[in-house]
């Protein structure tokens, strides 16, 4: 049995909108045509996918399972079409890379310099993306590679560790620890530690919390409301501490200081990519890193 990608797109739209009316408007279809499409899909699958009772349409477990796979299928189809078009037009193949704010631009640049020592011809396009956007665009075939820290690989994505970066702490220049050359991780007990993701919902935040727990204390975290703020500058003018991967020394025009952390503690840089989508450029990227 071959599933119609258009019908799957209709199912995804209804699930995301929670309403046949709103989904029909988004898809520029009549509500009757959309309803008929979903009914036809349910007949093909052999089970109900949506609960139509009440004011909102609810996705049933079978429907959610199909939607998860459908997003992967749509991404593969989109990626295949775009690649065929580029090849047919004679365009240069480019490795489209996204990275979360947890990976700095300098770290991406250093990684690409390492890659280009053995592959100077590799063309890249790099953009920053928030974690949710990164996952969405990888699954949609809009990115070939995502660089992040401790993000899980959702269904349809693969993950590997590219490298490890040593963690340090950043404090404001007037902080009580600012004159120290190094700090024991256990000394941070009681300090307010800036994080960007919600504990329990951010892999990187959970990784930092786990480092603290292994040092023998439960960290007191403060979630920065301004997403995308570089960790080094986030502590300026505050009493907070931030985990960073920047080199030790003065930072932010002298308004902050980065201090060595003891014992040496590391954060991984992970790569995420669409598991079933081919990319010669991505293969060359990994080969240049010896993976």
C-alpha atoms as a PDB file:
ATOM      1  CA  UNK A   1       0.000   0.000   0.000  1.00  0.00           C
ATOM      2  CA  UNK A   2       1.360   3.429  -0.969  1.00  0.00           C
ATOM      3  CA  UNK A   3       0.370   6.366   1.206  1.00  0.00           C
ATOM      4  CA  UNK A   4      -0.508   9.672  -0.454  1.00  0.00           C
ATOM      5  CA  UNK A   5       1.832  12.402   0.813  1.00  0.00           C
ATOM      6  CA  UNK A   6      -0.892  14.989   0.259  1.00  0.00           C
ATOM      7  CA  UNK A   7      -3.256  13.126   2.580  1.00  0.00           C
ATOM      8  CA  UNK A   8      -0.503  12.885   5.173  1.00  0.00           C
ATOM      9  CA  UNK A   9       0.022  16.648   4.882  1.00  0.00           C
ATOM     10  CA  UNK A  10      -3.692  17.113   5.468  1.00  0.00           C
ATOM     11  CA  UNK A  11      -3.527  14.980   8.617  1.00  0.00           C
ATOM     12  CA  UNK A  12      -0.560  16.963   9.937  1.00  0.00           C
ATOM     13  CA  UNK A  13      -2.367  20.259   9.323  1.00  0.00           C
ATOM     14  CA  UNK A  14      -5.509  19.135  11.179  1.00  0.00           C
ATOM     15  CA  UNK A  15      -3.393  17.901  14.092  1.00  0.00           C
ATOM     16  CA  UNK A  16      -1.415  21.147  14.305  1.00  0.00           C
ATOM     17  CA  UNK A  17      -4.470  23.398  13.967  1.00  0.00           C
ATOM     18  CA  UNK A  18      -6.768  21.290  16.164  1.00  0.00           C
ATOM     19  CA  UNK A  19      -9.635  22.133  13.843  1.00  0.00           C
ATOM     20  CA  UNK A  20     -10.818  21.124  10.375  1.00  0.00           C
ATOM     21  CA  UNK A  21     -11.922  24.709   9.713  1.00  0.00           C
ATOM     22  CA  UNK A  22      -8.537  26.264  10.473  1.00  0.00           C
ATOM     23  CA  UNK A  23      -6.646  23.470   8.716  1.00  0.00           C
ATOM     24  CA  UNK A  24      -8.819  23.860   5.600  1.00  0.00           C
ATOM     25  CA  UNK A  25      -8.066  27.578   5.539  1.00  0.00           C
ATOM     26  CA  UNK A  26      -4.348  26.915   5.903  1.00  0.00           C
ATOM     27  CA  UNK A  27      -4.406  24.365   3.066  1.00  0.00           C
ATOM     28  CA  UNK A  28      -6.736  26.441   0.847  1.00  0.00           C
ATOM     29  CA  UNK A  29      -9.238  23.568   0.702  1.00  0.00           C
ATOM     30  CA  UNK A  30     -12.918  23.351   1.454  1.00  0.00           C
ATOM     31  CA  UNK A  31     -13.719  21.776   4.801  1.00  0.00           C
ATOM     32  CA  UNK A  32     -15.640  19.029   3.001  1.00  0.00           C
ATOM     33  CA  UNK A  33     -12.673  18.191   0.761  1.00  0.00           C
ATOM     34  CA  UNK A  34     -10.331  18.066   3.759  1.00  0.00           C
ATOM     35  CA  UNK A  35     -12.720  15.855   5.751  1.00  0.00           C
ATOM     36  CA  UNK A  36     -13.075  13.494   2.783  1.00  0.00           C
ATOM     37  CA  UNK A  37      -9.284  13.301   2.445  1.00  0.00           C
ATOM     38  CA  UNK A  38      -8.842  12.350   6.108  1.00  0.00           C
ATOM     39  CA  UNK A  39     -11.634   9.762   5.895  1.00  0.00           C
ATOM     40  CA  UNK A  40      -9.976   8.234   2.842  1.00  0.00           C
ATOM     41  CA  UNK A  41      -6.660   8.091   4.702  1.00  0.00           C
ATOM     42  CA  UNK A  42      -8.310   6.363   7.663  1.00  0.00           C
ATOM     43  CA  UNK A  43      -9.803   3.774   5.284  1.00  0.00           C
ATOM     44  CA  UNK A  44      -6.355   3.169   3.779  1.00  0.00           C
ATOM     45  CA  UNK A  45      -4.751   2.723   7.189  1.00  0.00           C
ATOM     46  CA  UNK A  46      -7.671   0.729   8.561  1.00  0.00           C
ATOM     47  CA  UNK A  47      -8.096   2.568  11.879  1.00  0.00           C
ATOM     48  CA  UNK A  48      -9.398   5.917  13.090  1.00  0.00           C
ATOM     49  CA  UNK A  49      -6.708   8.571  13.398  1.00  0.00           C
ATOM     50  CA  UNK A  50      -8.674  11.471  14.897  1.00  0.00           C
ATOM     51  CA  UNK A  51     -11.286  11.901  17.597  1.00  0.00           C
ATOM     52  CA  UNK A  52     -13.783  14.377  16.180  1.00  0.00           C
ATOM     53  CA  UNK A  53     -15.846  14.777  19.367  1.00  0.00           C
ATOM     54  CA  UNK A  54     -15.934  18.054  21.279  1.00  0.00           C
ATOM     55  CA  UNK A  55     -14.846  21.502  20.168  1.00  0.00           C
ATOM     56  CA  UNK A  56     -11.318  20.448  19.247  1.00  0.00           C
ATOM     57  CA  UNK A  57     -10.101  17.595  17.105  1.00  0.00           C
ATOM     58  CA  UNK A  58      -7.929  15.235  19.139  1.00  0.00           C
ATOM     59  CA  UNK A  59      -5.236  13.064  17.598  1.00  0.00           C
ATOM     60  CA  UNK A  60      -5.564   9.408  18.566  1.00  0.00           C
ATOM     61  CA  UNK A  61      -2.445   7.319  19.343  1.00  0.00           C
ATOM     62  CA  UNK A  62      -2.522   5.706  15.883  1.00  0.00           C
ATOM     63  CA  UNK A  63      -2.764   9.146  14.322  1.00  0.00           C
ATOM     64  CA  UNK A  64       0.165  10.489  16.350  1.00  0.00           C
ATOM     65  CA  UNK A  65       2.298   7.519  15.312  1.00  0.00           C
ATOM     66  CA  UNK A  66       1.484   8.126  11.662  1.00  0.00           C
ATOM     67  CA  UNK A  67       2.121  11.879  11.961  1.00  0.00           C
ATOM     68  CA  UNK A  68       5.572  11.295  13.465  1.00  0.00           C
ATOM     69  CA  UNK A  69       6.548   9.088  10.535  1.00  0.00           C
ATOM     70  CA  UNK A  70       4.769  11.356   8.039  1.00  0.00           C
ATOM     71  CA  UNK A  71       6.959  14.306   9.010  1.00  0.00           C
ATOM     72  CA  UNK A  72      10.032  12.192   8.280  1.00  0.00           C
ATOM     73  CA  UNK A  73       8.597  11.086   4.924  1.00  0.00           C
ATOM     74  CA  UNK A  74       7.768  14.655   3.933  1.00  0.00           C
ATOM     75  CA  UNK A  75      11.276  15.765   4.822  1.00  0.00           C
ATOM     76  CA  UNK A  76      12.817  12.981   2.757  1.00  0.00           C
ATOM     77  CA  UNK A  77      10.593  13.785  -0.224  1.00  0.00           C
ATOM     78  CA  UNK A  78      11.354  17.512   0.012  1.00  0.00           C
ATOM     79  CA  UNK A  79      15.090  16.885   0.359  1.00  0.00           C
ATOM     80  CA  UNK A  80      15.088  14.524  -2.641  1.00  0.00           C
ATOM     81  CA  UNK A  81      13.246  17.047  -4.845  1.00  0.00           C
ATOM     82  CA  UNK A  82      15.520  19.945  -3.853  1.00  0.00           C
ATOM     83  CA  UNK A  83      18.638  17.863  -4.460  1.00  0.00           C
ATOM     84  CA  UNK A  84      17.411  16.733  -7.883  1.00  0.00           C
ATOM     85  CA  UNK A  85      16.672  20.343  -8.826  1.00  0.00           C
ATOM     86  CA  UNK A  86      20.133  21.523  -7.793  1.00  0.00           C
ATOM     87  CA  UNK A  87      21.804  18.738  -9.740  1.00  0.00           C
ATOM     88  CA  UNK A  88      19.604  19.357 -12.794  1.00  0.00           C
ATOM     89  CA  UNK A  89      20.438  23.071 -12.735  1.00  0.00           C
ATOM     90  CA  UNK A  90      24.137  22.425 -12.282  1.00  0.00           C
ATOM     91  CA  UNK A  91      24.217  24.251  -8.948  1.00  0.00           C
ATOM     92  CA  UNK A  92      26.999  23.674  -6.436  1.00  0.00           C
ATOM     93  CA  UNK A  93      25.988  21.319  -3.667  1.00  0.00           C
ATOM     94  CA  UNK A  94      26.150  23.071  -0.293  1.00  0.00           C
ATOM     95  CA  UNK A  95      26.166  21.563   3.179  1.00  0.00           C
ATOM     96  CA  UNK A  96      23.399  23.428   5.022  1.00  0.00           C
ATOM     97  CA  UNK A  97      24.343  23.608   8.705  1.00  0.00           C
ATOM     98  CA  UNK A  98      22.306  24.887  11.611  1.00  0.00           C
ATOM     99  CA  UNK A  99      23.654  25.344  15.133  1.00  0.00           C
ATOM    100  CA  UNK A 100      21.941  26.128  18.414  1.00  0.00           C
ATOM    101  CA  UNK A 101      22.996  29.132  20.533  1.00  0.00           C
ATOM    102  CA  UNK A 102      24.828  26.675  22.822  1.00  0.00           C
ATOM    103  CA  UNK A 103      27.394  26.308  20.020  1.00  0.00           C
ATOM    104  CA  UNK A 104      29.237  29.575  19.425  1.00  0.00           C
ATOM    105  CA  UNK A 105      30.059  30.968  16.017  1.00  0.00           C
ATOM    106  CA  UNK A 106      33.767  30.679  16.861  1.00  0.00           C
ATOM    107  CA  UNK A 107      33.324  26.973  17.614  1.00  0.00           C
ATOM    108  CA  UNK A 108      31.571  26.415  14.278  1.00  0.00           C
ATOM    109  CA  UNK A 109      34.327  28.335  12.475  1.00  0.00           C
ATOM    110  CA  UNK A 110      37.061  26.280  14.190  1.00  0.00           C
ATOM    111  CA  UNK A 111      35.279  23.055  13.266  1.00  0.00           C
ATOM    112  CA  UNK A 112      34.926  24.052   9.609  1.00  0.00           C
ATOM    113  CA  UNK A 113      38.593  25.087   9.484  1.00  0.00           C
ATOM    114  CA  UNK A 114      39.469  21.601  10.690  1.00  0.00           C
ATOM    115  CA  UNK A 115      37.247  20.071   8.014  1.00  0.00           C
ATOM    116  CA  UNK A 116      38.756  22.221   5.255  1.00  0.00           C
ATOM    117  CA  UNK A 117      42.292  21.083   6.013  1.00  0.00           C
ATOM    118  CA  UNK A 118      41.365  17.896   4.133  1.00  0.00           C
ATOM    119  CA  UNK A 119      38.383  19.111   2.099  1.00  0.00           C
ATOM    120  CA  UNK A 120      38.958  22.644   0.854  1.00  0.00           C
ATOM    121  CA  UNK A 121      36.188  22.461  -1.747  1.00  0.00           C
ATOM    122  CA  UNK A 122      33.356  21.806   0.719  1.00  0.00           C
ATOM    123  CA  UNK A 123      30.793  24.605   0.414  1.00  0.00           C
ATOM    124  CA  UNK A 124      28.805  25.391   3.555  1.00  0.00           C
ATOM    125  CA  UNK A 125      25.915  27.599   4.604  1.00  0.00           C
ATOM    126  CA  UNK A 126      25.676  28.192   8.349  1.00  0.00           C
ATOM    127  CA  UNK A 127      22.814  29.694  10.360  1.00  0.00           C
ATOM    128  CA  UNK A 128      21.882  29.765  14.038  1.00  0.00           C
ATOM    129  CA  UNK A 129      18.641  28.043  15.008  1.00  0.00           C
ATOM    130  CA  UNK A 130      16.884  27.515  18.311  1.00  0.00           C
ATOM    131  CA  UNK A 131      16.602  23.831  19.300  1.00  0.00           C
ATOM    132  CA  UNK A 132      12.978  23.417  18.206  1.00  0.00           C
ATOM    133  CA  UNK A 133      13.666  25.110  14.874  1.00  0.00           C
ATOM    134  CA  UNK A 134      16.758  22.965  14.356  1.00  0.00           C
ATOM    135  CA  UNK A 135      14.839  19.716  14.789  1.00  0.00           C
ATOM    136  CA  UNK A 136      11.953  20.932  12.633  1.00  0.00           C
ATOM    137  CA  UNK A 137      14.189  22.034   9.763  1.00  0.00           C
ATOM    138  CA  UNK A 138      16.282  18.854   9.850  1.00  0.00           C
ATOM    139  CA  UNK A 139      13.133  16.733   9.623  1.00  0.00           C
ATOM    140  CA  UNK A 140      11.721  18.983   6.880  1.00  0.00           C
ATOM    141  CA  UNK A 141      14.840  18.533   4.722  1.00  0.00           C
ATOM    142  CA  UNK A 142      15.748  22.222   5.024  1.00  0.00           C
ATOM    143  CA  UNK A 143      19.040  21.495   6.824  1.00  0.00           C
ATOM    144  CA  UNK A 144      21.604  18.752   6.221  1.00  0.00           C
ATOM    145  CA  UNK A 145      23.335  18.943   9.596  1.00  0.00           C
ATOM    146  CA  UNK A 146      22.621  20.360  13.027  1.00  0.00           C
ATOM    147  CA  UNK A 147      25.227  21.159  15.689  1.00  0.00           C
ATOM    148  CA  UNK A 148      24.042  21.230  19.287  1.00  0.00           C
ATOM    149  CA  UNK A 149      24.738  20.126  22.834  1.00  0.00           C
ATOM    150  CA  UNK A 150      22.940  17.151  24.362  1.00  0.00           C
ATOM    151  CA  UNK A 151      19.811  17.437  22.226  1.00  0.00           C
ATOM    152  CA  UNK A 152      18.122  14.048  21.779  1.00  0.00           C
ATOM    153  CA  UNK A 153      17.683  12.658  18.278  1.00  0.00           C
ATOM    154  CA  UNK A 154      13.979  12.563  17.512  1.00  0.00           C
ATOM    155  CA  UNK A 155      12.544   9.846  15.308  1.00  0.00           C
ATOM    156  CA  UNK A 156      14.031  10.167  11.829  1.00  0.00           C
ATOM    157  CA  UNK A 157      17.256  11.786  13.048  1.00  0.00           C
ATOM    158  CA  UNK A 158      20.650  10.308  13.888  1.00  0.00           C
ATOM    159  CA  UNK A 159      23.166  11.729  16.363  1.00  0.00           C
ATOM    160  CA  UNK A 160      26.911  11.462  16.955  1.00  0.00           C
ATOM    161  CA  UNK A 161      29.463  13.281  19.114  1.00  0.00           C
ATOM    162  CA  UNK A 162      31.710  15.548  17.042  1.00  0.00           C
ATOM    163  CA  UNK A 163      34.008  16.786  19.803  1.00  0.00           C
ATOM    164  CA  UNK A 164      34.150  17.802  23.470  1.00  0.00           C
ATOM    165  CA  UNK A 165      34.607  21.360  24.725  1.00  0.00           C
ATOM    166  CA  UNK A 166      35.962  22.179  28.141  1.00  0.00           C
ATOM    167  CA  UNK A 167      33.574  24.056  30.410  1.00  0.00           C
ATOM    168  CA  UNK A 168      34.549  27.118  32.400  1.00  0.00           C
ATOM    169  CA  UNK A 169      32.494  29.677  34.305  1.00  0.00           C
ATOM    170  CA  UNK A 170      31.829  33.323  33.510  1.00  0.00           C
ATOM    171  CA  UNK A 171      31.144  35.903  36.221  1.00  0.00           C
ATOM    172  CA  UNK A 172      30.739  39.669  36.277  1.00  0.00           C
ATOM    173  CA  UNK A 173      33.951  41.608  36.888  1.00  0.00           C
ATOM    174  CA  UNK A 174      32.728  42.604  40.359  1.00  0.00           C
ATOM    175  CA  UNK A 175      31.696  39.068  41.386  1.00  0.00           C
ATOM    176  CA  UNK A 176      33.390  37.650  44.477  1.00  0.00           C
ATOM    177  CA  UNK A 177      35.025  34.918  42.370  1.00  0.00           C
ATOM    178  CA  UNK A 178      36.291  37.247  39.644  1.00  0.00           C
ATOM    179  CA  UNK A 179      39.854  37.431  41.029  1.00  0.00           C
ATOM    180  CA  UNK A 180      40.250  33.646  41.074  1.00  0.00           C
ATOM    181  CA  UNK A 181      42.262  31.756  38.452  1.00  0.00           C
ATOM    182  CA  UNK A 182      40.271  28.570  39.010  1.00  0.00           C
ATOM    183  CA  UNK A 183      37.248  27.363  40.932  1.00  0.00           C
ATOM    184  CA  UNK A 184      36.252  23.923  42.120  1.00  0.00           C
ATOM    185  CA  UNK A 185      32.892  22.874  40.728  1.00  0.00           C
ATOM    186  CA  UNK A 186      31.682  22.069  44.265  1.00  0.00           C
ATOM    187  CA  UNK A 187      32.313  25.716  45.245  1.00  0.00           C
ATOM    188  CA  UNK A 188      29.379  26.746  43.068  1.00  0.00           C
ATOM    189  CA  UNK A 189      26.901  25.297  45.560  1.00  0.00           C
ATOM    190  CA  UNK A 190      24.558  28.113  46.527  1.00  0.00           C
ATOM    191  CA  UNK A 191      25.437  30.269  43.523  1.00  0.00           C
ATOM    192  CA  UNK A 192      22.774  31.318  41.015  1.00  0.00           C
ATOM    193  CA  UNK A 193      23.557  29.590  37.713  1.00  0.00           C
ATOM    194  CA  UNK A 194      22.157  30.986  34.467  1.00  0.00           C
ATOM    195  CA  UNK A 195      20.590  28.488  32.083  1.00  0.00           C
ATOM    196  CA  UNK A 196      18.653  29.035  28.857  1.00  0.00           C
ATOM    197  CA  UNK A 197      16.478  25.929  28.646  1.00  0.00           C
ATOM    198  CA  UNK A 198      13.885  24.669  31.088  1.00  0.00           C
ATOM    199  CA  UNK A 199      15.235  21.883  33.341  1.00  0.00           C
ATOM    200  CA  UNK A 200      13.681  18.614  32.227  1.00  0.00           C
ATOM    201  CA  UNK A 201      13.011  20.025  28.756  1.00  0.00           C
ATOM    202  CA  UNK A 202      16.504  20.979  27.619  1.00  0.00           C
ATOM    203  CA  UNK A 203      19.194  18.352  27.173  1.00  0.00           C
ATOM    204  CA  UNK A 204      22.002  20.866  27.653  1.00  0.00           C
ATOM    205  CA  UNK A 205      20.485  22.373  30.802  1.00  0.00           C
ATOM    206  CA  UNK A 206      20.014  18.877  32.201  1.00  0.00           C
ATOM    207  CA  UNK A 207      23.648  18.053  31.376  1.00  0.00           C
ATOM    208  CA  UNK A 208      24.885  21.090  33.326  1.00  0.00           C
ATOM    209  CA  UNK A 209      22.633  20.246  36.257  1.00  0.00           C
ATOM    210  CA  UNK A 210      23.949  16.682  36.264  1.00  0.00           C
ATOM    211  CA  UNK A 211      27.555  17.944  36.388  1.00  0.00           C
ATOM    212  CA  UNK A 212      26.616  19.901  39.535  1.00  0.00           C
ATOM    213  CA  UNK A 213      24.904  16.907  41.098  1.00  0.00           C
ATOM    214  CA  UNK A 214      27.957  14.756  40.481  1.00  0.00           C
ATOM    215  CA  UNK A 215      29.959  17.418  42.349  1.00  0.00           C
ATOM    216  CA  UNK A 216      27.652  16.915  45.324  1.00  0.00           C
ATOM    217  CA  UNK A 217      25.107  19.723  45.198  1.00  0.00           C
ATOM    218  CA  UNK A 218      21.736  20.628  43.723  1.00  0.00           C
ATOM    219  CA  UNK A 219      22.240  23.773  41.624  1.00  0.00           C
ATOM    220  CA  UNK A 220      20.126  26.880  42.015  1.00  0.00           C
ATOM    221  CA  UNK A 221      19.259  27.823  38.433  1.00  0.00           C
ATOM    222  CA  UNK A 222      17.962  31.032  36.897  1.00  0.00           C
ATOM    223  CA  UNK A 223      16.513  30.830  33.387  1.00  0.00           C
ATOM    224  CA  UNK A 224      17.581  33.765  31.242  1.00  0.00           C
ATOM    225  CA  UNK A 225      14.434  35.249  29.674  1.00  0.00           C
ATOM    226  CA  UNK A 226      16.420  36.689  26.741  1.00  0.00           C
ATOM    227  CA  UNK A 227      17.066  33.699  24.505  1.00  0.00           C
ATOM    228  CA  UNK A 228      20.197  33.777  22.363  1.00  0.00           C
ATOM    229  CA  UNK A 229      22.179  35.979  24.754  1.00  0.00           C
ATOM    230  CA  UNK A 230      25.833  34.871  24.745  1.00  0.00           C
ATOM    231  CA  UNK A 231      26.569  33.255  28.128  1.00  0.00           C
ATOM    232  CA  UNK A 232      29.622  35.438  28.771  1.00  0.00           C
ATOM    233  CA  UNK A 233      27.634  38.659  28.445  1.00  0.00           C
ATOM    234  CA  UNK A 234      24.571  37.301  30.291  1.00  0.00           C
ATOM    235  CA  UNK A 235      26.359  37.644  33.640  1.00  0.00           C
ATOM    236  CA  UNK A 236      27.411  41.268  33.181  1.00  0.00           C
ATOM    237  CA  UNK A 237      26.012  43.424  35.975  1.00  0.00           C
ATOM    238  CA  UNK A 238      24.535  40.427  37.814  1.00  0.00           C
ATOM    239  CA  UNK A 239      25.503  38.045  40.605  1.00  0.00           C
ATOM    240  CA  UNK A 240      24.838  35.038  38.363  1.00  0.00           C
ATOM    241  CA  UNK A 241      27.318  32.467  37.100  1.00  0.00           C
ATOM    242  CA  UNK A 242      27.198  30.946  33.614  1.00  0.00           C
ATOM    243  CA  UNK A 243      28.866  27.836  32.249  1.00  0.00           C
ATOM    244  CA  UNK A 244      30.795  28.766  29.105  1.00  0.00           C
ATOM    245  CA  UNK A 245      33.272  27.224  26.678  1.00  0.00           C
ATOM    246  CA  UNK A 246      35.199  30.478  26.109  1.00  0.00           C
ATOM    247  CA  UNK A 247      38.867  30.730  26.982  1.00  0.00           C
ATOM    248  CA  UNK A 248      39.815  31.888  30.495  1.00  0.00           C
ATOM    249  CA  UNK A 249      40.509  35.575  31.042  1.00  0.00           C
ATOM    250  CA  UNK A 250      38.792  38.962  30.711  1.00  0.00           C
ATOM    251  CA  UNK A 251      35.676  39.060  28.518  1.00  0.00           C
ATOM    252  CA  UNK A 252      32.924  41.429  27.398  1.00  0.00           C
ATOM    253  CA  UNK A 253      35.291  44.424  27.288  1.00  0.00           C
ATOM    254  CA  UNK A 254      36.441  43.744  30.817  1.00  0.00           C
ATOM    255  CA  UNK A 255      32.912  43.585  32.244  1.00  0.00           C
ATOM    256  CA  UNK A 256      33.143  39.827  32.801  1.00  0.00           C
ATOM    257  CA  UNK A 257      35.777  37.227  33.543  1.00  0.00           C
ATOM    258  CA  UNK A 258      36.047  33.593  32.485  1.00  0.00           C
ATOM    259  CA  UNK A 259      37.552  31.279  35.126  1.00  0.00           C
ATOM    260  CA  UNK A 260      38.950  27.762  34.865  1.00  0.00           C
ATOM    261  CA  UNK A 261      36.786  25.024  36.350  1.00  0.00           C
ATOM    262  CA  UNK A 262      38.263  22.171  38.380  1.00  0.00           C
ATOM    263  CA  UNK A 263      38.230  19.268  37.911  1.00  0.00           C
ATOM    264  CA  UNK A 264      38.160  19.565  34.096  1.00  0.00           C
ATOM    265  CA  UNK A 265      34.541  19.254  32.994  1.00  0.00           C
ATOM    266  CA  UNK A 266      33.350  18.902  29.404  1.00  0.00           C
ATOM    267  CA  UNK A 267      30.296  19.477  27.230  1.00  0.00           C
ATOM    268  CA  UNK A 268      29.869  17.521  23.995  1.00  0.00           C
ATOM    269  CA  UNK A 269      29.211  19.032  20.603  1.00  0.00           C
ATOM    270  CA  UNK A 270      26.701  16.752  18.909  1.00  0.00           C
ATOM    271  CA  UNK A 271      25.761  16.477  15.258  1.00  0.00           C
ATOM    272  CA  UNK A 272      22.185  15.678  14.231  1.00  0.00           C
ATOM    273  CA  UNK A 273      21.153  14.762  10.708  1.00  0.00           C
ATOM    274  CA  UNK A 274      18.248  13.185   8.784  1.00  0.00           C
ATOM    275  CA  UNK A 275      18.899   9.494   9.168  1.00  0.00           C
ATOM    276  CA  UNK A 276      17.582   8.326   5.787  1.00  0.00           C
ATOM    277  CA  UNK A 277      18.485  11.296   3.575  1.00  0.00           C
ATOM    278  CA  UNK A 278      21.678  11.016   1.547  1.00  0.00           C
ATOM    279  CA  UNK A 279      24.204  13.853   1.355  1.00  0.00           C
ATOM    280  CA  UNK A 280      27.647  13.508  -0.205  1.00  0.00           C
ATOM    281  CA  UNK A 281      28.642  16.802   1.436  1.00  0.00           C
ATOM    282  CA  UNK A 282      27.658  15.560   4.882  1.00  0.00           C
ATOM    283  CA  UNK A 283      29.553  12.326   4.290  1.00  0.00           C
ATOM    284  CA  UNK A 284      32.625  14.372   3.304  1.00  0.00           C
ATOM    285  CA  UNK A 285      32.227  16.489   6.442  1.00  0.00           C
ATOM    286  CA  UNK A 286      32.269  13.445   8.708  1.00  0.00           C
ATOM    287  CA  UNK A 287      35.104  11.811   6.752  1.00  0.00           C
ATOM    288  CA  UNK A 288      37.224  14.939   7.269  1.00  0.00           C
ATOM    289  CA  UNK A 289      36.694  14.544  11.018  1.00  0.00           C
ATOM    290  CA  UNK A 290      37.659  10.876  10.904  1.00  0.00           C
ATOM    291  CA  UNK A 291      34.104   9.653  11.581  1.00  0.00           C
END
